[in-house]
Structure formats: C-alpha cells, structure tokens
Amino acid sequence: MIENKLGITNSSELAREEERISKKKAVEMFENKMLDRLVPGTFAALSEIHRILFEDIYEFAGKVRKVNIAKGNFRFAPVMYLAASLENIEKMPQTNFDEIIEKYVEMNVAHPFREGNGRSMRIWLDHMLKNEIGRVVDWNRVDKGDYLLAMERSPVKDIEIKFLLKNALTDKTDDKYIYMKGIDNSYNYEGYNAYSTEELINN
C-alpha cells in the first residue's frame, strides 16, 4: 500500500481514486495545451507530465524514485544507476519513429517513478511522436495483451513493439476523442478501468 495524500488505506479504493483524479488531470492537460510548453523527449517533460497527473495523490509526483522496483520477474533500473541512466536516455536521438520508440523502451527500463510510469510515459511518447514526425499512437487500436507482451520483450528485442505501434499511428494529433480513448486504453493496460474519461468530464 503506497502512502498517499488522500489518507486512503484500502488499495482498491486508492486505485479507483487515483484513476478518477489522474484521468481528469490527463484531459485538462490536453484541453489547456499544457504539453505544448514542454520540450519533447526530455526527462523534464516526463517529470512534469507525471507531476500534473499525480500531484493531488502522491507526494512523490514528478520526483525520481528512491527505491528499487520490479514487475513480475523484471527488475527496473537500480536506484544507484538511475540518474546516469536518465542522462543517457535524454541524449538519445529522436528524429524518426524507430529512434523515438528506442528512447521510449529505454525510459521504460529506467522506470523513474515510484508509481504511474506507464501512464505518464505513453503521453510522453505521443508528445515526442507528434512534435518529431506529426503522428500519435491511436491506443484504441493497440491490444492490451499484444502491447504488454511486446513491452516485456522490448529490452531484448524491440521489433515487436515497433511493429505494433507503427500500425496504430494516426495523423489526428489534436483529436480530443482519440486522445481520450487513448487515455482509457493506456490506463486499462495497467488494470485501471473503473471510469471512462468521457463520464468523468461530463460529471
């Protein structure tokens, strides 16, 4: 159970509140054009996305983690190497689709935050793609199982995740419907599916 600003001690209740609050923030980020002020592909941009999404829930929003974390059998970058790893990722090129996905894969291995990495990183990825190649991923077209498996394999072999995401690219970079459906799908990859963005902004 992660300490939170809401004083919630039940993990499923926390998950629901985290989803509700941060999804609303994700929509605000789009509507207020907050992403336009960020430099694509930088850790500062990712950190700001994370801060905006989770600042009402966690003290660590936007801050590099101080603990080692793992998912299943996979251990993310150890804390002692994290700063150097983020510096190296920042220097990676991002001039075409392949380079952008390679940068995204490396950032996923780094997993710089205590919680909320995947959801922040997919917004960060789309921000890079939009600014560098005029495309974004239509996450509505990316199957959860295929995505999770491709990401699991990506540190060793990134051809699957490249293939999967390339086939889901769209030039509708400013389409609110695609963005909102993308947020819903992105959250669903992590098991957050109690609310849709549409019902949250309409209530």
N, C-alpha and C. Protein backbone atom coordinates (compact mmCIF):
# COMPACT_ATOMS: atom_id res chain seq x y z
N MET A 1 0.84 -1.20 0.00
CA MET A 1 0.00 0.00 0.00
C MET A 1 0.88 1.25 0.00
N ILE A 2 0.72 2.12 -0.99
CA ILE A 2 1.55 3.31 -1.10
C ILE A 2 0.93 4.46 -0.31
N GLU A 3 1.79 5.15 0.42
CA GLU A 3 1.30 6.34 1.16
C GLU A 3 0.75 7.36 0.18
N ASN A 4 -0.36 7.98 0.57
CA ASN A 4 -0.98 8.94 -0.34
C ASN A 4 -1.53 10.14 0.41
N LYS A 5 -1.77 11.20 -0.33
CA LYS A 5 -2.26 12.45 0.25
C LYS A 5 -3.74 12.37 0.64
N LEU A 6 -4.42 11.35 0.14
CA LEU A 6 -5.87 11.24 0.35
C LEU A 6 -6.21 10.55 1.67
N GLY A 7 -5.19 9.98 2.32
CA GLY A 7 -5.42 9.28 3.58
C GLY A 7 -6.14 7.96 3.40
N ILE A 8 -6.10 7.40 2.19
CA ILE A 8 -6.79 6.15 1.90
C ILE A 8 -5.90 4.97 2.31
N THR A 9 -6.49 4.01 3.01
CA THR A 9 -5.72 2.85 3.47
C THR A 9 -6.15 1.55 2.79
N ASN A 10 -7.14 1.64 1.91
CA ASN A 10 -7.61 0.47 1.17
C ASN A 10 -7.08 0.55 -0.26
N SER A 11 -6.36 -0.48 -0.70
CA SER A 11 -5.68 -0.38 -2.00
C SER A 11 -6.63 -0.30 -3.19
N SER A 12 -7.77 -0.99 -3.14
CA SER A 12 -8.70 -0.90 -4.28
C SER A 12 -9.40 0.46 -4.31
N GLU A 13 -9.65 1.01 -3.13
CA GLU A 13 -10.24 2.36 -3.07
C GLU A 13 -9.24 3.39 -3.60
N LEU A 14 -7.97 3.21 -3.25
CA LEU A 14 -6.93 4.11 -3.73
C LEU A 14 -6.82 4.03 -5.26
N ALA A 15 -6.87 2.82 -5.79
CA ALA A 15 -6.78 2.64 -7.25
C ALA A 15 -7.91 3.38 -7.97
N ARG A 16 -9.11 3.29 -7.41
CA ARG A 16 -10.26 3.98 -8.03
C ARG A 16 -10.10 5.50 -7.99
N GLU A 17 -9.67 6.01 -6.85
CA GLU A 17 -9.49 7.46 -6.71
C GLU A 17 -8.33 7.96 -7.58
N GLU A 18 -7.28 7.16 -7.61
CA GLU A 18 -6.12 7.52 -8.44
C GLU A 18 -6.54 7.61 -9.90
N GLU A 19 -7.33 6.64 -10.34
CA GLU A 19 -7.81 6.64 -11.72
C GLU A 19 -8.69 7.85 -11.99
N ARG A 20 -9.63 8.08 -11.09
CA ARG A 20 -10.60 9.18 -11.29
C ARG A 20 -9.89 10.54 -11.37
N ILE A 21 -9.03 10.80 -10.40
CA ILE A 21 -8.37 12.11 -10.31
C ILE A 21 -7.37 12.30 -11.45
N SER A 22 -6.54 11.29 -11.70
CA SER A 22 -5.47 11.48 -12.69
C SER A 22 -6.01 11.47 -14.12
N LYS A 23 -7.10 10.75 -14.38
CA LYS A 23 -7.71 10.81 -15.72
C LYS A 23 -8.27 12.20 -16.00
N LYS A 24 -8.89 12.79 -15.00
CA LYS A 24 -9.38 14.17 -15.16
C LYS A 24 -8.22 15.10 -15.47
N LYS A 25 -7.10 14.90 -14.78
CA LYS A 25 -5.91 15.72 -14.99
C LYS A 25 -5.37 15.52 -16.41
N ALA A 26 -5.42 14.30 -16.89
CA ALA A 26 -4.94 13.99 -18.24
C ALA A 26 -5.75 14.75 -19.29
N VAL A 27 -7.06 14.83 -19.08
CA VAL A 27 -7.93 15.57 -20.01
C VAL A 27 -7.63 17.07 -19.92
N GLU A 28 -7.46 17.58 -18.70
CA GLU A 28 -7.12 19.00 -18.51
C GLU A 28 -5.81 19.33 -19.22
N MET A 29 -4.85 18.42 -19.14
CA MET A 29 -3.56 18.61 -19.78
C MET A 29 -3.73 18.85 -21.27
N PHE A 30 -4.64 18.08 -21.87
CA PHE A 30 -4.91 18.20 -23.30
C PHE A 30 -5.66 19.50 -23.61
N GLU A 31 -6.72 19.75 -22.84
CA GLU A 31 -7.56 20.91 -23.11
C GLU A 31 -6.83 22.23 -22.89
N ASN A 32 -5.95 22.27 -21.89
CA ASN A 32 -5.22 23.50 -21.58
C ASN A 32 -3.89 23.62 -22.33
N LYS A 33 -3.67 22.66 -23.23
CA LYS A 33 -2.45 22.66 -24.06
C LYS A 33 -1.16 22.75 -23.23
N MET A 34 -1.19 22.10 -22.05
CA MET A 34 -0.01 22.12 -21.17
C MET A 34 1.20 21.45 -21.83
N LEU A 35 0.94 20.44 -22.66
CA LEU A 35 2.03 19.71 -23.29
C LEU A 35 2.81 20.58 -24.27
N ASP A 36 2.14 21.58 -24.84
CA ASP A 36 2.81 22.46 -25.81
C ASP A 36 3.97 23.24 -25.19
N ARG A 37 3.97 23.34 -23.88
CA ARG A 37 5.02 24.11 -23.20
C ARG A 37 6.24 23.25 -22.84
N LEU A 38 6.15 21.95 -23.11
CA LEU A 38 7.21 21.03 -22.71
C LEU A 38 8.14 20.70 -23.87
N VAL A 39 9.40 20.43 -23.56
CA VAL A 39 10.38 20.07 -24.58
C VAL A 39 10.32 18.55 -24.81
N PRO A 40 9.91 18.13 -26.02
CA PRO A 40 9.71 16.70 -26.29
C PRO A 40 10.95 15.85 -26.03
N GLY A 41 10.73 14.69 -25.43
CA GLY A 41 11.80 13.72 -25.25
C GLY A 41 12.72 13.97 -24.06
N THR A 42 12.46 15.02 -23.30
CA THR A 42 13.30 15.30 -22.14
C THR A 42 12.72 14.64 -20.89
N PHE A 43 13.59 14.40 -19.92
CA PHE A 43 13.08 13.88 -18.65
C PHE A 43 12.25 14.95 -17.95
N ALA A 44 12.61 16.22 -18.14
CA ALA A 44 11.84 17.32 -17.53
C ALA A 44 10.39 17.27 -18.00
N ALA A 45 10.18 16.94 -19.27
CA ALA A 45 8.81 16.84 -19.81
C ALA A 45 8.07 15.67 -19.17
N LEU A 46 8.74 14.53 -19.07
CA LEU A 46 8.11 13.35 -18.45
C LEU A 46 7.79 13.62 -16.99
N SER A 47 8.71 14.24 -16.30
CA SER A 47 8.53 14.57 -14.89
C SER A 47 7.34 15.50 -14.67
N GLU A 48 7.18 16.47 -15.58
CA GLU A 48 6.07 17.41 -15.48
C GLU A 48 4.73 16.72 -15.77
N ILE A 49 4.72 15.82 -16.74
CA ILE A 49 3.50 15.04 -17.03
C ILE A 49 3.11 14.24 -15.80
N HIS A 50 4.07 13.58 -15.20
CA HIS A 50 3.82 12.76 -14.01
C HIS A 50 3.32 13.63 -12.86
N ARG A 51 3.95 14.78 -12.69
CA ARG A 51 3.54 15.70 -11.60
C ARG A 51 2.09 16.13 -11.77
N ILE A 52 1.74 16.54 -12.99
CA ILE A 52 0.37 17.00 -13.25
C ILE A 52 -0.64 15.89 -12.97
N LEU A 53 -0.35 14.69 -13.44
CA LEU A 53 -1.29 13.56 -13.26
C LEU A 53 -1.50 13.20 -11.79
N PHE A 54 -0.41 13.20 -11.02
CA PHE A 54 -0.48 12.57 -9.69
C PHE A 54 -0.24 13.50 -8.50
N GLU A 55 -0.10 14.81 -8.73
CA GLU A 55 0.25 15.72 -7.62
C GLU A 55 -0.80 15.77 -6.51
N ASP A 56 -2.06 15.50 -6.83
CA ASP A 56 -3.11 15.53 -5.80
C ASP A 56 -3.19 14.21 -5.02
N ILE A 57 -2.39 13.23 -5.44
CA ILE A 57 -2.49 11.90 -4.84
C ILE A 57 -1.22 11.50 -4.09
N TYR A 58 -0.07 11.78 -4.69
CA TYR A 58 1.20 11.33 -4.11
C TYR A 58 2.20 12.46 -3.91
N GLU A 59 2.91 12.41 -2.80
CA GLU A 59 3.98 13.39 -2.53
C GLU A 59 5.11 13.26 -3.55
N PHE A 60 5.30 12.04 -4.07
CA PHE A 60 6.43 11.80 -4.97
C PHE A 60 6.13 12.15 -6.43
N ALA A 61 4.99 12.75 -6.71
CA ALA A 61 4.63 13.09 -8.09
C ALA A 61 5.73 13.93 -8.75
N GLY A 62 6.21 13.46 -9.89
CA GLY A 62 7.24 14.18 -10.64
C GLY A 62 8.65 13.99 -10.12
N LYS A 63 8.81 13.20 -9.05
CA LYS A 63 10.14 13.02 -8.43
C LYS A 63 10.69 11.63 -8.72
N VAL A 64 11.99 11.60 -8.96
CA VAL A 64 12.67 10.32 -9.24
C VAL A 64 12.58 9.42 -8.00
N ARG A 65 12.26 8.15 -8.22
CA ARG A 65 12.10 7.21 -7.10
C ARG A 65 13.40 7.00 -6.33
N LYS A 66 13.22 6.65 -5.05
CA LYS A 66 14.38 6.38 -4.19
C LYS A 66 14.41 4.92 -3.74
N VAL A 67 13.55 4.12 -4.36
CA VAL A 67 13.51 2.68 -4.02
C VAL A 67 13.64 1.86 -5.30
N ASN A 68 14.14 0.65 -5.16
CA ASN A 68 14.20 -0.28 -6.29
C ASN A 68 12.82 -0.90 -6.50
N ILE A 69 12.44 -1.06 -7.76
CA ILE A 69 11.13 -1.65 -8.05
C ILE A 69 11.25 -2.74 -9.12
N ALA A 70 10.28 -3.64 -9.10
CA ALA A 70 10.24 -4.73 -10.08
C ALA A 70 8.78 -5.01 -10.45
N LYS A 71 8.60 -5.64 -11.61
CA LYS A 71 7.26 -6.06 -12.04
C LYS A 71 7.39 -7.50 -12.51
N GLY A 72 6.74 -8.41 -11.80
CA GLY A 72 6.91 -9.83 -12.11
C GLY A 72 8.37 -10.20 -11.88
N ASN A 73 9.00 -10.77 -12.90
CA ASN A 73 10.42 -11.14 -12.78
C ASN A 73 11.37 -10.05 -13.25
N PHE A 74 10.78 -8.96 -13.77
CA PHE A 74 11.63 -7.92 -14.35
C PHE A 74 11.97 -6.83 -13.33
N ARG A 75 13.26 -6.58 -13.16
CA ARG A 75 13.71 -5.53 -12.25
C ARG A 75 14.08 -4.30 -13.07
N PHE A 76 13.50 -3.17 -12.71
CA PHE A 76 13.81 -1.94 -13.42
C PHE A 76 15.16 -1.39 -12.95
N ALA A 77 15.66 -0.35 -13.62
CA ALA A 77 16.99 0.19 -13.32
C ALA A 77 17.18 0.42 -11.82
N PRO A 78 18.28 -0.08 -11.25
CA PRO A 78 18.53 0.13 -9.82
C PRO A 78 18.70 1.62 -9.52
N VAL A 79 18.27 2.02 -8.33
CA VAL A 79 18.32 3.42 -7.93
C VAL A 79 19.72 4.02 -8.10
N MET A 80 20.75 3.24 -7.77
CA MET A 80 22.12 3.78 -7.82
C MET A 80 22.56 4.15 -9.24
N TYR A 81 21.92 3.56 -10.26
CA TYR A 81 22.28 3.86 -11.65
C TYR A 81 21.24 4.75 -12.35
N LEU A 82 20.19 5.10 -11.63
CA LEU A 82 19.05 5.77 -12.27
C LEU A 82 19.40 7.14 -12.85
N ALA A 83 20.11 7.96 -12.11
CA ALA A 83 20.46 9.31 -12.58
C ALA A 83 21.28 9.24 -13.86
N ALA A 84 22.28 8.35 -13.89
CA ALA A 84 23.12 8.19 -15.08
C ALA A 84 22.30 7.66 -16.25
N SER A 85 21.40 6.74 -15.95
CA SER A 85 20.54 6.16 -16.98
C SER A 85 19.65 7.24 -17.62
N LEU A 86 19.05 8.09 -16.79
CA LEU A 86 18.18 9.16 -17.31
C LEU A 86 18.97 10.17 -18.14
N GLU A 87 20.20 10.43 -17.74
CA GLU A 87 21.07 11.34 -18.51
C GLU A 87 21.35 10.77 -19.89
N ASN A 88 21.64 9.47 -19.94
CA ASN A 88 21.93 8.81 -21.22
C ASN A 88 20.71 8.79 -22.13
N ILE A 89 19.54 8.52 -21.54
CA ILE A 89 18.30 8.48 -22.33
C ILE A 89 18.01 9.86 -22.92
N GLU A 90 18.23 10.88 -22.14
CA GLU A 90 18.00 12.26 -22.60
C GLU A 90 18.81 12.56 -23.87
N LYS A 91 20.02 11.97 -23.95
CA LYS A 91 20.91 12.25 -25.10
C LYS A 91 20.56 11.42 -26.33
N MET A 92 19.69 10.43 -26.18
CA MET A 92 19.35 9.58 -27.32
C MET A 92 18.64 10.38 -28.41
N PRO A 93 18.92 10.08 -29.69
CA PRO A 93 18.25 10.82 -30.77
C PRO A 93 16.77 10.48 -30.86
N GLN A 94 16.00 11.37 -31.49
CA GLN A 94 14.55 11.15 -31.62
C GLN A 94 14.03 11.76 -32.92
N THR A 95 14.80 11.54 -34.00
CA THR A 95 14.47 12.20 -35.27
C THR A 95 13.51 11.40 -36.14
N ASN A 96 13.33 10.11 -35.84
CA ASN A 96 12.40 9.29 -36.63
C ASN A 96 11.67 8.30 -35.71
N PHE A 97 10.74 7.57 -36.28
CA PHE A 97 9.91 6.66 -35.49
C PHE A 97 10.74 5.64 -34.71
N ASP A 98 11.68 4.99 -35.38
CA ASP A 98 12.48 3.95 -34.71
C ASP A 98 13.25 4.51 -33.52
N GLU A 99 13.88 5.67 -33.71
CA GLU A 99 14.65 6.28 -32.63
C GLU A 99 13.76 6.64 -31.44
N ILE A 100 12.57 7.14 -31.75
CA ILE A 100 11.63 7.54 -30.68
C ILE A 100 11.20 6.32 -29.86
N ILE A 101 10.90 5.22 -30.54
CA ILE A 101 10.48 4.00 -29.83
C ILE A 101 11.64 3.44 -29.01
N GLU A 102 12.85 3.51 -29.55
CA GLU A 102 14.03 3.04 -28.80
C GLU A 102 14.21 3.85 -27.52
N LYS A 103 13.97 5.14 -27.62
CA LYS A 103 14.08 6.03 -26.45
C LYS A 103 12.99 5.69 -25.42
N TYR A 104 11.80 5.42 -25.92
CA TYR A 104 10.67 5.04 -25.07
C TYR A 104 10.95 3.72 -24.33
N VAL A 105 11.51 2.76 -25.05
CA VAL A 105 11.84 1.45 -24.46
C VAL A 105 12.87 1.63 -23.34
N GLU A 106 13.88 2.45 -23.58
CA GLU A 106 14.91 2.69 -22.56
C GLU A 106 14.33 3.39 -21.34
N MET A 107 13.42 4.32 -21.56
CA MET A 107 12.80 5.02 -20.43
C MET A 107 11.94 4.05 -19.63
N ASN A 108 11.33 3.10 -20.32
CA ASN A 108 10.53 2.10 -19.61
C ASN A 108 11.41 1.22 -18.73
N VAL A 109 12.61 0.89 -19.22
CA VAL A 109 13.55 0.10 -18.42
C VAL A 109 13.98 0.90 -17.19
N ALA A 110 14.15 2.21 -17.37
CA ALA A 110 14.54 3.08 -16.25
C ALA A 110 13.42 3.17 -15.21
N HIS A 111 12.17 3.29 -15.68
CA HIS A 111 11.00 3.38 -14.78
C HIS A 111 11.28 4.35 -13.62
N PRO A 112 11.40 5.65 -13.92
CA PRO A 112 11.93 6.60 -12.93
C PRO A 112 11.05 6.91 -11.72
N PHE A 113 9.77 6.56 -11.77
CA PHE A 113 8.88 6.94 -10.68
C PHE A 113 8.44 5.74 -9.84
N ARG A 114 7.98 6.05 -8.64
CA ARG A 114 7.53 5.00 -7.71
C ARG A 114 6.28 4.30 -8.24
N GLU A 115 5.45 5.05 -8.96
CA GLU A 115 4.15 4.55 -9.44
C GLU A 115 3.75 5.43 -10.63
N GLY A 116 2.95 4.90 -11.55
CA GLY A 116 2.40 5.71 -12.63
C GLY A 116 3.33 5.93 -13.81
N ASN A 117 4.33 5.05 -13.97
CA ASN A 117 5.30 5.20 -15.06
C ASN A 117 4.68 5.02 -16.44
N GLY A 118 4.01 3.88 -16.64
CA GLY A 118 3.46 3.57 -17.96
C GLY A 118 2.50 4.62 -18.46
N ARG A 119 1.60 5.06 -17.59
CA ARG A 119 0.59 6.04 -18.00
C ARG A 119 1.21 7.38 -18.37
N SER A 120 2.22 7.80 -17.61
CA SER A 120 2.93 9.06 -17.92
C SER A 120 3.75 8.92 -19.20
N MET A 121 4.41 7.77 -19.34
CA MET A 121 5.31 7.57 -20.46
C MET A 121 4.60 7.49 -21.80
N ARG A 122 3.38 6.97 -21.82
CA ARG A 122 2.66 6.89 -23.10
C ARG A 122 2.24 8.29 -23.57
N ILE A 123 1.93 9.18 -22.64
CA ILE A 123 1.65 10.58 -23.00
C ILE A 123 2.95 11.23 -23.51
N TRP A 124 4.06 10.95 -22.82
CA TRP A 124 5.39 11.46 -23.19
C TRP A 124 5.78 10.97 -24.59
N LEU A 125 5.49 9.70 -24.86
CA LEU A 125 5.80 9.12 -26.18
C LEU A 125 5.01 9.84 -27.27
N ASP A 126 3.72 10.00 -27.06
CA ASP A 126 2.89 10.68 -28.07
C ASP A 126 3.32 12.12 -28.28
N HIS A 127 3.75 12.78 -27.23
CA HIS A 127 4.24 14.16 -27.32
C HIS A 127 5.47 14.21 -28.23
N MET A 128 6.36 13.23 -28.08
CA MET A 128 7.55 13.14 -28.94
C MET A 128 7.15 12.87 -30.39
N LEU A 129 6.30 11.87 -30.58
CA LEU A 129 5.88 11.50 -31.94
C LEU A 129 5.19 12.67 -32.65
N LYS A 130 4.33 13.36 -31.93
CA LYS A 130 3.60 14.50 -32.52
C LYS A 130 4.57 15.58 -32.99
N ASN A 131 5.52 15.91 -32.13
CA ASN A 131 6.44 17.00 -32.42
C ASN A 131 7.51 16.64 -33.44
N GLU A 132 7.91 15.38 -33.48
CA GLU A 132 9.01 14.98 -34.36
C GLU A 132 8.53 14.48 -35.73
N ILE A 133 7.43 13.72 -35.75
CA ILE A 133 7.00 13.14 -37.03
C ILE A 133 5.53 13.42 -37.38
N GLY A 134 4.87 14.25 -36.58
CA GLY A 134 3.48 14.62 -36.89
C GLY A 134 2.49 13.48 -36.79
N ARG A 135 2.75 12.54 -35.91
CA ARG A 135 1.86 11.39 -35.69
C ARG A 135 1.70 11.16 -34.19
N VAL A 136 0.64 10.44 -33.81
CA VAL A 136 0.50 9.93 -32.45
C VAL A 136 0.00 8.49 -32.57
N VAL A 137 0.08 7.75 -31.48
CA VAL A 137 -0.45 6.38 -31.47
C VAL A 137 -1.95 6.46 -31.16
N ASP A 138 -2.75 5.78 -31.96
CA ASP A 138 -4.16 5.59 -31.64
C ASP A 138 -4.22 4.34 -30.75
N TRP A 139 -4.13 4.56 -29.42
CA TRP A 139 -4.02 3.45 -28.47
C TRP A 139 -5.26 2.56 -28.49
N ASN A 140 -6.34 3.07 -29.03
CA ASN A 140 -7.56 2.30 -29.17
C ASN A 140 -7.35 1.09 -30.08
N ARG A 141 -6.32 1.19 -30.93
CA ARG A 141 -6.05 0.12 -31.90
C ARG A 141 -4.93 -0.81 -31.43
N VAL A 142 -4.47 -0.62 -30.19
CA VAL A 142 -3.37 -1.45 -29.66
C VAL A 142 -3.91 -2.39 -28.59
N ASP A 143 -3.94 -3.66 -28.90
CA ASP A 143 -4.47 -4.68 -27.98
C ASP A 143 -3.62 -4.76 -26.71
N LYS A 144 -4.30 -4.85 -25.58
CA LYS A 144 -3.62 -4.89 -24.28
C LYS A 144 -2.62 -6.03 -24.18
N GLY A 145 -3.05 -7.24 -24.51
CA GLY A 145 -2.16 -8.41 -24.40
C GLY A 145 -0.95 -8.29 -25.31
N ASP A 146 -1.19 -7.86 -26.55
CA ASP A 146 -0.09 -7.69 -27.50
C ASP A 146 0.90 -6.64 -27.01
N TYR A 147 0.36 -5.54 -26.49
CA TYR A 147 1.22 -4.45 -26.03
C TYR A 147 2.08 -4.90 -24.84
N LEU A 148 1.46 -5.51 -23.84
CA LEU A 148 2.19 -5.92 -22.64
C LEU A 148 3.29 -6.94 -22.96
N LEU A 149 2.97 -7.86 -23.87
CA LEU A 149 3.95 -8.87 -24.26
C LEU A 149 5.11 -8.23 -25.02
N ALA A 150 4.78 -7.32 -25.94
CA ALA A 150 5.81 -6.64 -26.74
C ALA A 150 6.71 -5.79 -25.85
N MET A 151 6.11 -5.12 -24.85
CA MET A 151 6.91 -4.29 -23.94
C MET A 151 7.80 -5.14 -23.04
N GLU A 152 7.28 -6.29 -22.65
CA GLU A 152 8.06 -7.21 -21.81
C GLU A 152 9.32 -7.68 -22.55
N ARG A 153 9.17 -7.89 -23.86
CA ARG A 153 10.29 -8.37 -24.66
C ARG A 153 11.18 -7.24 -25.17
N SER A 154 10.68 -6.02 -25.13
CA SER A 154 11.35 -4.89 -25.80
C SER A 154 12.79 -4.61 -25.36
N PRO A 155 13.18 -4.82 -24.09
CA PRO A 155 14.57 -4.55 -23.74
C PRO A 155 15.55 -5.45 -24.51
N VAL A 156 15.09 -6.64 -24.91
CA VAL A 156 15.94 -7.58 -25.64
C VAL A 156 15.74 -7.42 -27.15
N LYS A 157 14.46 -7.25 -27.53
CA LYS A 157 14.11 -7.19 -28.95
C LYS A 157 12.94 -6.22 -29.12
N ASP A 158 13.20 -5.07 -29.76
CA ASP A 158 12.15 -4.05 -29.84
C ASP A 158 11.34 -4.09 -31.14
N ILE A 159 11.60 -5.10 -31.99
CA ILE A 159 10.91 -5.16 -33.29
C ILE A 159 9.40 -5.30 -33.14
N GLU A 160 8.96 -6.03 -32.11
CA GLU A 160 7.51 -6.26 -31.91
C GLU A 160 6.79 -4.98 -31.53
N ILE A 161 7.35 -4.24 -30.57
CA ILE A 161 6.68 -3.02 -30.12
C ILE A 161 6.70 -1.97 -31.24
N LYS A 162 7.76 -1.96 -32.03
CA LYS A 162 7.82 -1.03 -33.17
C LYS A 162 6.73 -1.37 -34.18
N PHE A 163 6.60 -2.64 -34.49
CA PHE A 163 5.59 -3.09 -35.45
C PHE A 163 4.18 -2.75 -34.96
N LEU A 164 3.93 -3.06 -33.71
CA LEU A 164 2.61 -2.86 -33.10
C LEU A 164 2.21 -1.38 -33.13
N LEU A 165 3.13 -0.51 -32.69
CA LEU A 165 2.81 0.92 -32.60
C LEU A 165 2.81 1.60 -33.96
N LYS A 166 3.67 1.16 -34.86
CA LYS A 166 3.70 1.76 -36.20
C LYS A 166 2.37 1.55 -36.91
N ASN A 167 1.78 0.38 -36.70
CA ASN A 167 0.50 0.06 -37.34
C ASN A 167 -0.69 0.78 -36.71
N ALA A 168 -0.44 1.45 -35.60
CA ALA A 168 -1.52 2.17 -34.91
C ALA A 168 -1.33 3.69 -34.99
N LEU A 169 -0.38 4.15 -35.81
CA LEU A 169 -0.14 5.60 -35.90
C LEU A 169 -1.29 6.31 -36.63
N THR A 170 -1.56 7.53 -36.21
CA THR A 170 -2.56 8.38 -36.88
C THR A 170 -2.01 9.79 -36.98
N ASP A 171 -2.48 10.53 -37.98
CA ASP A 171 -2.06 11.93 -38.10
C ASP A 171 -3.05 12.87 -37.40
N LYS A 172 -4.03 12.29 -36.70
CA LYS A 172 -5.02 13.11 -35.95
C LYS A 172 -4.43 13.49 -34.59
N THR A 173 -3.39 14.31 -34.63
CA THR A 173 -2.62 14.59 -33.41
C THR A 173 -3.35 15.49 -32.42
N ASP A 174 -4.36 16.21 -32.88
CA ASP A 174 -5.08 17.12 -31.98
C ASP A 174 -6.53 16.71 -31.78
N ASP A 175 -6.83 15.46 -32.09
CA ASP A 175 -8.20 14.95 -31.96
C ASP A 175 -8.47 14.55 -30.51
N LYS A 176 -9.40 15.25 -29.87
CA LYS A 176 -9.69 15.01 -28.45
C LYS A 176 -10.24 13.60 -28.22
N TYR A 177 -11.07 13.11 -29.13
CA TYR A 177 -11.66 11.78 -28.99
C TYR A 177 -10.56 10.72 -28.99
N ILE A 178 -9.61 10.83 -29.93
CA ILE A 178 -8.51 9.85 -30.00
C ILE A 178 -7.66 9.93 -28.73
N TYR A 179 -7.43 11.16 -28.25
CA TYR A 179 -6.63 11.34 -27.03
C TYR A 179 -7.33 10.70 -25.83
N MET A 180 -8.63 10.99 -25.67
CA MET A 180 -9.37 10.47 -24.50
C MET A 180 -9.51 8.95 -24.54
N LYS A 181 -9.81 8.42 -25.70
CA LYS A 181 -9.89 6.96 -25.83
C LYS A 181 -8.51 6.33 -25.56
N GLY A 182 -7.47 7.05 -25.98
CA GLY A 182 -6.11 6.59 -25.74
C GLY A 182 -5.78 6.54 -24.26
N ILE A 183 -6.22 7.55 -23.52
CA ILE A 183 -6.01 7.57 -22.06
C ILE A 183 -6.73 6.38 -21.43
N ASP A 184 -7.97 6.14 -21.84
CA ASP A 184 -8.72 5.00 -21.30
C ASP A 184 -7.99 3.68 -21.56
N ASN A 185 -7.50 3.52 -22.78
CA ASN A 185 -6.79 2.29 -23.12
C ASN A 185 -5.47 2.17 -22.36
N SER A 186 -4.76 3.28 -22.28
CA SER A 186 -3.49 3.32 -21.57
C SER A 186 -3.67 2.90 -20.11
N TYR A 187 -4.71 3.39 -19.48
CA TYR A 187 -5.00 3.04 -18.08
C TYR A 187 -5.42 1.57 -17.98
N ASN A 188 -6.14 1.10 -18.98
CA ASN A 188 -6.61 -0.28 -18.97
C ASN A 188 -5.44 -1.27 -19.03
N TYR A 189 -4.34 -0.88 -19.70
CA TYR A 189 -3.15 -1.75 -19.73
C TYR A 189 -2.66 -2.04 -18.32
N GLU A 190 -2.85 -1.07 -17.43
CA GLU A 190 -2.37 -1.21 -16.04
C GLU A 190 -3.48 -1.71 -15.10
N GLY A 191 -4.64 -2.04 -15.67
CA GLY A 191 -5.73 -2.58 -14.86
C GLY A 191 -6.66 -1.53 -14.27
N TYR A 192 -6.56 -0.28 -14.75
CA TYR A 192 -7.45 0.79 -14.27
C TYR A 192 -8.57 1.00 -15.28
N ASN A 193 -9.76 0.51 -14.96
CA ASN A 193 -10.86 0.64 -15.92
C ASN A 193 -12.21 0.85 -15.24
N ALA A 194 -12.20 1.54 -14.09
CA ALA A 194 -13.46 1.80 -13.37
C ALA A 194 -14.22 2.97 -13.99
N TYR A 195 -13.49 3.89 -14.61
CA TYR A 195 -14.12 5.09 -15.18
C TYR A 195 -13.66 5.29 -16.62
N SER A 196 -14.53 5.91 -17.42
CA SER A 196 -14.07 6.36 -18.74
C SER A 196 -13.83 7.87 -18.66
N THR A 197 -12.92 8.38 -19.46
CA THR A 197 -12.64 9.82 -19.44
C THR A 197 -13.91 10.61 -19.76
N GLU A 198 -14.71 10.06 -20.67
CA GLU A 198 -15.92 10.75 -21.09
C GLU A 198 -16.89 10.98 -19.94
N GLU A 199 -17.10 9.95 -19.11
CA GLU A 199 -18.04 10.12 -17.99
C GLU A 199 -17.47 11.06 -16.92
N LEU A 200 -16.15 11.06 -16.80
CA LEU A 200 -15.52 11.93 -15.80
C LEU A 200 -15.66 13.41 -16.14
N ILE A 201 -15.52 13.75 -17.43
CA ILE A 201 -15.62 15.17 -17.80
C ILE A 201 -17.08 15.62 -17.93
N ASN A 202 -17.97 14.65 -18.03
CA ASN A 202 -19.39 15.01 -18.13
C ASN A 202 -20.09 15.08 -16.77
N ASN A 203 -19.36 14.70 -15.71
CA ASN A 203 -19.95 14.73 -14.37
C ASN A 203 -19.30 15.79 -13.51
